[in-house]
N, C-alpha and C. Protein backbone atom coordinates (compact mmCIF):
# COMPACT_ATOMS: atom_id res chain seq x y z
N MET A 1 38.61 178.84 229.59
CA MET A 1 37.98 179.85 230.42
C MET A 1 36.96 179.17 231.33
N THR A 2 36.86 179.64 232.55
CA THR A 2 35.96 179.06 233.55
C THR A 2 34.59 179.72 233.54
N ALA A 3 34.58 181.05 233.46
CA ALA A 3 33.33 181.79 233.56
C ALA A 3 33.36 183.02 232.68
N SER A 4 32.18 183.47 232.35
CA SER A 4 31.99 184.71 231.63
C SER A 4 31.22 185.64 232.56
N ILE A 5 31.70 186.87 232.70
CA ILE A 5 31.09 187.81 233.64
C ILE A 5 30.71 189.08 232.91
N VAL A 6 29.50 189.54 233.18
CA VAL A 6 29.01 190.79 232.60
C VAL A 6 28.65 191.72 233.74
N TYR A 7 29.23 192.92 233.72
CA TYR A 7 28.84 193.93 234.69
C TYR A 7 27.52 194.52 234.22
N LYS A 8 26.47 194.42 235.05
CA LYS A 8 25.12 194.81 234.67
C LYS A 8 24.77 196.24 235.07
N GLY A 9 25.70 196.92 235.75
CA GLY A 9 25.40 198.25 236.25
C GLY A 9 24.89 198.18 237.68
N GLN A 10 24.83 199.30 238.34
CA GLN A 10 24.33 199.40 239.70
C GLN A 10 25.02 198.41 240.65
N LEU A 11 26.32 198.21 240.43
CA LEU A 11 27.18 197.38 241.29
C LEU A 11 26.81 195.91 241.29
N ARG A 12 26.22 195.44 240.19
CA ARG A 12 25.81 194.04 240.07
C ARG A 12 26.52 193.39 238.88
N CYS A 13 26.93 192.12 239.08
CA CYS A 13 27.54 191.32 238.01
C CYS A 13 26.73 190.05 237.80
N GLU A 14 26.72 189.58 236.56
CA GLU A 14 26.11 188.30 236.22
C GLU A 14 27.24 187.38 235.77
N CYS A 15 27.38 186.26 236.44
CA CYS A 15 28.49 185.34 236.21
C CYS A 15 27.93 184.03 235.68
N THR A 16 28.43 183.60 234.53
CA THR A 16 27.96 182.36 233.91
C THR A 16 29.09 181.34 233.91
N HIS A 17 28.84 180.21 234.52
CA HIS A 17 29.77 179.09 234.51
C HIS A 17 29.67 178.43 233.15
N LEU A 18 30.76 178.41 232.41
CA LEU A 18 30.69 177.99 231.01
C LEU A 18 30.37 176.51 230.83
N GLN A 19 30.86 175.66 231.70
CA GLN A 19 30.62 174.22 231.52
C GLN A 19 29.16 173.86 231.74
N SER A 20 28.52 174.50 232.73
CA SER A 20 27.15 174.12 233.09
C SER A 20 26.10 175.14 232.69
N SER A 21 26.52 176.33 232.32
CA SER A 21 25.63 177.47 232.03
C SER A 21 24.88 177.97 233.27
N THR A 22 25.30 177.55 234.45
CA THR A 22 24.72 178.07 235.68
C THR A 22 25.06 179.54 235.82
N VAL A 23 24.10 180.32 236.28
CA VAL A 23 24.30 181.76 236.44
C VAL A 23 24.14 182.15 237.90
N ILE A 24 25.08 182.94 238.39
CA ILE A 24 24.93 183.57 239.70
C ILE A 24 25.15 185.07 239.51
N GLU A 25 24.54 185.83 240.37
CA GLU A 25 24.73 187.27 240.35
C GLU A 25 25.39 187.70 241.64
N THR A 26 26.18 188.74 241.56
CA THR A 26 26.75 189.34 242.76
C THR A 26 26.27 190.78 242.85
N ASP A 27 26.25 191.28 244.06
CA ASP A 27 25.82 192.64 244.33
C ASP A 27 26.74 193.21 245.39
N ALA A 28 26.99 194.48 245.34
CA ALA A 28 27.77 195.11 246.40
C ALA A 28 26.96 195.07 247.70
N PRO A 29 27.65 194.93 248.84
CA PRO A 29 26.93 194.91 250.11
C PRO A 29 26.40 196.30 250.49
N THR A 30 25.42 196.32 251.36
CA THR A 30 24.81 197.58 251.75
C THR A 30 25.80 198.51 252.45
N ASP A 31 26.81 197.96 253.11
CA ASP A 31 27.79 198.83 253.77
C ASP A 31 28.83 199.36 252.79
N ASN A 32 28.68 199.04 251.51
CA ASN A 32 29.59 199.56 250.50
C ASN A 32 28.81 200.04 249.27
N ARG A 33 27.71 200.73 249.53
CA ARG A 33 26.88 201.39 248.51
C ARG A 33 26.10 200.45 247.61
N GLY A 34 25.96 199.20 248.01
CA GLY A 34 25.20 198.26 247.21
C GLY A 34 23.81 198.03 247.77
N LYS A 35 23.06 197.23 247.05
CA LYS A 35 21.71 196.88 247.48
C LYS A 35 21.70 195.67 248.43
N GLY A 36 22.74 194.87 248.39
CA GLY A 36 22.79 193.69 249.25
C GLY A 36 21.72 192.67 248.91
N GLU A 37 21.32 192.62 247.65
CA GLU A 37 20.25 191.70 247.23
C GLU A 37 20.78 190.35 246.75
N ARG A 38 22.09 190.23 246.62
CA ARG A 38 22.73 189.00 246.18
C ARG A 38 23.98 188.81 247.03
N PHE A 39 24.65 187.67 246.86
CA PHE A 39 25.96 187.50 247.48
C PHE A 39 26.87 188.61 246.98
N SER A 40 27.71 189.14 247.87
CA SER A 40 28.74 190.08 247.44
C SER A 40 29.95 189.27 246.99
N PRO A 41 30.89 189.89 246.28
CA PRO A 41 32.10 189.15 245.91
C PRO A 41 32.84 188.58 247.12
N THR A 42 32.89 189.33 248.22
CA THR A 42 33.56 188.80 249.41
C THR A 42 32.76 187.67 250.06
N ASP A 43 31.43 187.73 249.95
CA ASP A 43 30.60 186.61 250.43
C ASP A 43 30.94 185.34 249.65
N THR A 44 31.09 185.47 248.33
CA THR A 44 31.36 184.29 247.52
C THR A 44 32.70 183.66 247.87
N LEU A 45 33.67 184.51 248.27
CA LEU A 45 34.95 183.95 248.70
C LEU A 45 34.76 183.08 249.95
N CYS A 46 33.97 183.58 250.89
CA CYS A 46 33.72 182.82 252.13
C CYS A 46 32.95 181.54 251.84
N VAL A 47 31.96 181.63 250.97
CA VAL A 47 31.19 180.45 250.57
C VAL A 47 32.08 179.46 249.82
N ALA A 48 32.99 179.97 248.99
CA ALA A 48 33.91 179.09 248.27
C ALA A 48 34.76 178.30 249.26
N LEU A 49 35.23 178.95 250.31
CA LEU A 49 36.03 178.25 251.31
C LEU A 49 35.21 177.13 251.96
N ALA A 50 34.02 177.45 252.43
CA ALA A 50 33.20 176.45 253.14
C ALA A 50 32.81 175.30 252.23
N THR A 51 32.40 175.60 251.00
CA THR A 51 31.98 174.51 250.11
C THR A 51 33.16 173.69 249.64
N CYS A 52 34.33 174.31 249.47
CA CYS A 52 35.52 173.56 249.11
C CYS A 52 35.90 172.60 250.24
N MET A 53 35.81 173.10 251.47
CA MET A 53 36.15 172.25 252.61
C MET A 53 35.27 171.00 252.66
N VAL A 54 33.96 171.20 252.60
CA VAL A 54 33.06 170.05 252.73
C VAL A 54 33.14 169.15 251.50
N THR A 55 33.39 169.73 250.33
CA THR A 55 33.50 168.90 249.12
C THR A 55 34.74 168.02 249.17
N THR A 56 35.89 168.59 249.56
CA THR A 56 37.10 167.76 249.63
C THR A 56 36.98 166.74 250.75
N MET A 57 36.33 167.12 251.84
CA MET A 57 36.09 166.15 252.92
C MET A 57 35.19 165.02 252.43
N ALA A 58 34.16 165.35 251.66
CA ALA A 58 33.24 164.33 251.15
C ALA A 58 33.95 163.40 250.18
N LEU A 59 34.86 163.93 249.37
CA LEU A 59 35.65 163.07 248.48
C LEU A 59 36.45 162.06 249.31
N LYS A 60 37.12 162.55 250.33
CA LYS A 60 37.91 161.66 251.20
C LYS A 60 36.99 160.70 251.94
N ALA A 61 35.87 161.22 252.43
CA ALA A 61 34.92 160.38 253.16
C ALA A 61 34.39 159.25 252.30
N THR A 62 34.14 159.52 251.04
CA THR A 62 33.67 158.48 250.13
C THR A 62 34.68 157.35 250.04
N ASP A 63 35.96 157.70 249.96
CA ASP A 63 37.01 156.69 249.93
C ASP A 63 37.07 155.89 251.24
N MET A 64 36.59 156.51 252.32
CA MET A 64 36.60 155.87 253.64
C MET A 64 35.27 155.18 253.94
N ASN A 65 34.35 155.18 252.95
CA ASN A 65 33.03 154.58 253.10
C ASN A 65 32.20 155.32 254.17
N ILE A 66 32.31 156.65 254.18
CA ILE A 66 31.59 157.51 255.11
C ILE A 66 30.74 158.47 254.29
N ASN A 67 29.50 158.68 254.73
CA ASN A 67 28.58 159.57 254.03
C ASN A 67 28.40 160.86 254.85
N LEU A 68 28.79 161.99 254.27
CA LEU A 68 28.68 163.28 254.97
C LEU A 68 27.42 164.05 254.61
N SER A 69 26.47 163.40 253.93
CA SER A 69 25.22 164.07 253.58
C SER A 69 24.55 164.63 254.83
N ALA A 70 23.90 165.76 254.66
CA ALA A 70 23.18 166.49 255.71
C ALA A 70 24.11 167.29 256.63
N THR A 71 25.40 167.35 256.29
CA THR A 71 26.31 168.24 257.02
C THR A 71 25.91 169.67 256.69
N THR A 72 25.87 170.52 257.70
CA THR A 72 25.56 171.94 257.49
C THR A 72 26.76 172.78 257.89
N ILE A 73 26.85 173.95 257.29
CA ILE A 73 27.98 174.83 257.55
C ILE A 73 27.46 176.25 257.76
N ALA A 74 27.93 176.89 258.81
CA ALA A 74 27.64 178.30 259.04
C ALA A 74 28.92 179.08 258.75
N VAL A 75 28.81 180.12 257.93
CA VAL A 75 29.97 180.93 257.56
C VAL A 75 29.69 182.38 257.94
N THR A 76 30.65 183.00 258.61
CA THR A 76 30.54 184.40 258.97
C THR A 76 31.77 185.14 258.49
N LYS A 77 31.52 186.25 257.81
CA LYS A 77 32.59 187.09 257.26
C LYS A 77 32.74 188.32 258.16
N HIS A 78 33.99 188.65 258.46
CA HIS A 78 34.30 189.84 259.25
C HIS A 78 35.18 190.75 258.38
N MET A 79 34.66 191.92 258.07
CA MET A 79 35.38 192.86 257.21
C MET A 79 36.25 193.80 258.03
N LEU A 80 37.34 194.22 257.42
CA LEU A 80 38.22 195.24 257.98
C LEU A 80 38.26 196.41 257.00
N SER A 81 38.77 197.52 257.46
CA SER A 81 38.94 198.66 256.56
C SER A 81 40.40 199.08 256.56
N ASP A 82 40.74 199.94 255.60
CA ASP A 82 42.08 200.54 255.52
C ASP A 82 43.19 199.53 255.36
N PRO A 83 43.26 198.76 254.28
CA PRO A 83 42.31 198.77 253.18
C PRO A 83 41.12 197.84 253.47
N ARG A 84 40.03 198.09 252.78
CA ARG A 84 38.83 197.26 252.94
C ARG A 84 39.14 195.85 252.45
N ARG A 85 38.90 194.90 253.33
CA ARG A 85 39.21 193.50 253.01
C ARG A 85 38.54 192.58 254.03
N ILE A 86 38.54 191.31 253.74
CA ILE A 86 38.07 190.32 254.72
C ILE A 86 39.20 190.13 255.73
N GLY A 87 38.89 190.30 257.00
CA GLY A 87 39.89 190.11 258.04
C GLY A 87 39.81 188.75 258.70
N LYS A 88 38.59 188.21 258.75
CA LYS A 88 38.40 186.92 259.41
C LYS A 88 37.20 186.21 258.79
N ILE A 89 37.33 184.89 258.69
CA ILE A 89 36.22 184.05 258.27
C ILE A 89 36.02 182.97 259.34
N ASP A 90 34.81 182.89 259.86
CA ASP A 90 34.45 181.82 260.79
C ASP A 90 33.70 180.76 260.00
N VAL A 91 34.14 179.51 260.12
CA VAL A 91 33.49 178.39 259.46
C VAL A 91 33.16 177.36 260.53
N ILE A 92 31.87 177.06 260.68
CA ILE A 92 31.43 176.07 261.66
C ILE A 92 30.72 174.95 260.93
N LEU A 93 31.34 173.77 260.94
CA LEU A 93 30.77 172.60 260.29
C LEU A 93 30.04 171.76 261.33
N ASN A 94 28.78 171.45 261.04
CA ASN A 94 27.95 170.63 261.93
C ASN A 94 27.59 169.34 261.21
N PHE A 95 28.10 168.25 261.73
CA PHE A 95 27.88 166.95 261.11
C PHE A 95 26.66 166.28 261.72
N PRO A 96 26.00 165.41 260.97
CA PRO A 96 24.82 164.73 261.49
C PRO A 96 25.13 163.98 262.78
N THR A 97 24.22 164.05 263.73
CA THR A 97 24.44 163.39 265.02
C THR A 97 24.52 161.88 264.87
N ALA A 98 23.91 161.33 263.84
CA ALA A 98 23.95 159.88 263.62
C ALA A 98 25.30 159.41 263.10
N LEU A 99 26.14 160.32 262.67
CA LEU A 99 27.44 159.97 262.13
C LEU A 99 28.37 159.53 263.26
N GLN A 100 28.73 158.28 263.25
CA GLN A 100 29.60 157.71 264.29
C GLN A 100 30.98 157.45 263.69
N LEU A 101 31.94 158.30 264.06
CA LEU A 101 33.28 158.18 263.51
C LEU A 101 34.30 157.97 264.62
N THR A 102 35.37 157.30 264.27
CA THR A 102 36.48 157.15 265.20
C THR A 102 37.23 158.48 265.26
N GLU A 103 38.02 158.65 266.28
CA GLU A 103 38.84 159.85 266.40
C GLU A 103 39.80 159.97 265.22
N LYS A 104 40.32 158.82 264.76
CA LYS A 104 41.23 158.82 263.61
C LYS A 104 40.52 159.31 262.36
N ASP A 105 39.30 158.83 262.12
CA ASP A 105 38.53 159.26 260.96
C ASP A 105 38.25 160.76 261.02
N ARG A 106 37.88 161.26 262.18
CA ARG A 106 37.62 162.69 262.36
C ARG A 106 38.87 163.51 262.04
N LEU A 107 40.00 163.06 262.54
CA LEU A 107 41.25 163.78 262.32
C LEU A 107 41.61 163.81 260.82
N ILE A 108 41.44 162.68 260.15
CA ILE A 108 41.72 162.61 258.71
C ILE A 108 40.81 163.59 257.95
N LEU A 109 39.53 163.60 258.28
CA LEU A 109 38.60 164.48 257.58
C LEU A 109 38.87 165.95 257.91
N GLN A 110 39.19 166.26 259.15
CA GLN A 110 39.49 167.64 259.52
C GLN A 110 40.74 168.14 258.79
N ARG A 111 41.76 167.33 258.74
CA ARG A 111 42.98 167.71 258.01
C ARG A 111 42.69 167.92 256.53
N THR A 112 41.81 167.10 255.98
CA THR A 112 41.42 167.24 254.58
C THR A 112 40.72 168.58 254.37
N GLY A 113 39.77 168.90 255.24
CA GLY A 113 39.06 170.18 255.13
C GLY A 113 39.98 171.37 255.32
N ASP A 114 40.87 171.27 256.29
CA ASP A 114 41.79 172.38 256.58
C ASP A 114 42.74 172.67 255.42
N HIS A 115 42.97 171.67 254.57
CA HIS A 115 43.92 171.81 253.48
C HIS A 115 43.27 171.77 252.10
N CYS A 116 42.00 172.16 252.02
CA CYS A 116 41.33 172.18 250.72
C CYS A 116 41.98 173.23 249.82
N PRO A 117 41.78 173.14 248.51
CA PRO A 117 42.43 174.08 247.60
C PRO A 117 42.13 175.55 247.86
N VAL A 118 40.90 175.89 248.25
CA VAL A 118 40.61 177.30 248.53
C VAL A 118 41.35 177.75 249.77
N ALA A 119 41.36 176.93 250.81
CA ALA A 119 42.09 177.31 252.03
C ALA A 119 43.57 177.55 251.73
N LYS A 120 44.14 176.72 250.88
CA LYS A 120 45.55 176.86 250.53
C LYS A 120 45.80 178.06 249.62
N SER A 121 44.75 178.62 249.04
CA SER A 121 44.88 179.76 248.14
C SER A 121 44.72 181.11 248.85
N LEU A 122 44.26 181.08 250.08
CA LEU A 122 44.03 182.32 250.82
C LEU A 122 45.34 182.89 251.36
N HIS A 123 45.38 184.19 251.49
CA HIS A 123 46.57 184.85 252.03
C HIS A 123 46.76 184.44 253.49
N PRO A 124 48.00 184.19 253.91
CA PRO A 124 48.23 183.74 255.29
C PRO A 124 47.85 184.78 256.35
N ASP A 125 47.72 186.05 255.99
CA ASP A 125 47.29 187.06 256.96
C ASP A 125 45.80 186.99 257.27
N LEU A 126 45.04 186.30 256.43
CA LEU A 126 43.60 186.17 256.67
C LEU A 126 43.38 185.19 257.82
N ASN A 127 42.65 185.63 258.82
CA ASN A 127 42.35 184.81 259.99
C ASN A 127 41.16 183.91 259.65
N VAL A 128 41.40 182.61 259.59
CA VAL A 128 40.35 181.64 259.33
C VAL A 128 40.16 180.79 260.58
N HIS A 129 38.98 180.88 261.16
CA HIS A 129 38.65 180.12 262.37
C HIS A 129 37.67 179.01 261.97
N ILE A 130 38.07 177.77 262.21
CA ILE A 130 37.24 176.62 261.83
C ILE A 130 36.88 175.81 263.06
N GLU A 131 35.61 175.44 263.15
CA GLU A 131 35.12 174.55 264.20
C GLU A 131 34.45 173.36 263.55
N TYR A 132 34.79 172.17 264.05
CA TYR A 132 34.17 170.94 263.59
C TYR A 132 33.31 170.41 264.73
N HIS A 133 32.01 170.35 264.51
CA HIS A 133 31.08 169.82 265.52
C HIS A 133 30.59 168.44 265.06
N TRP A 134 31.16 167.44 265.69
CA TRP A 134 30.81 166.07 265.35
C TRP A 134 29.66 165.63 266.21
């Protein structure tokens, strides 16, 4: 088992990662009767995509003797209705300006990010827009 989840009431869940005992809480968003005081479940999906991308890129970068520390990512979720779902995720990766990479290295890292496990797990109807700012 990966995690243990307890529904705490009032549209909030407490999720415990079993290996590390790290706890995160989720809350329903304000546009869906929640308080919006924590990440929503759909927010965590978007965050999972962005962090998976940069993590798999960092693994590849390490093998290439490249350090991606200080890379920042902006993630925006766009919801649809009927049925309510995520319709689009914008992911903008901003790499440190001091990072000097060849075009080949950039292409290798971008392909790695584009094919991370979370990206490959998303439904093909979901519109994922990714920008790499080197």
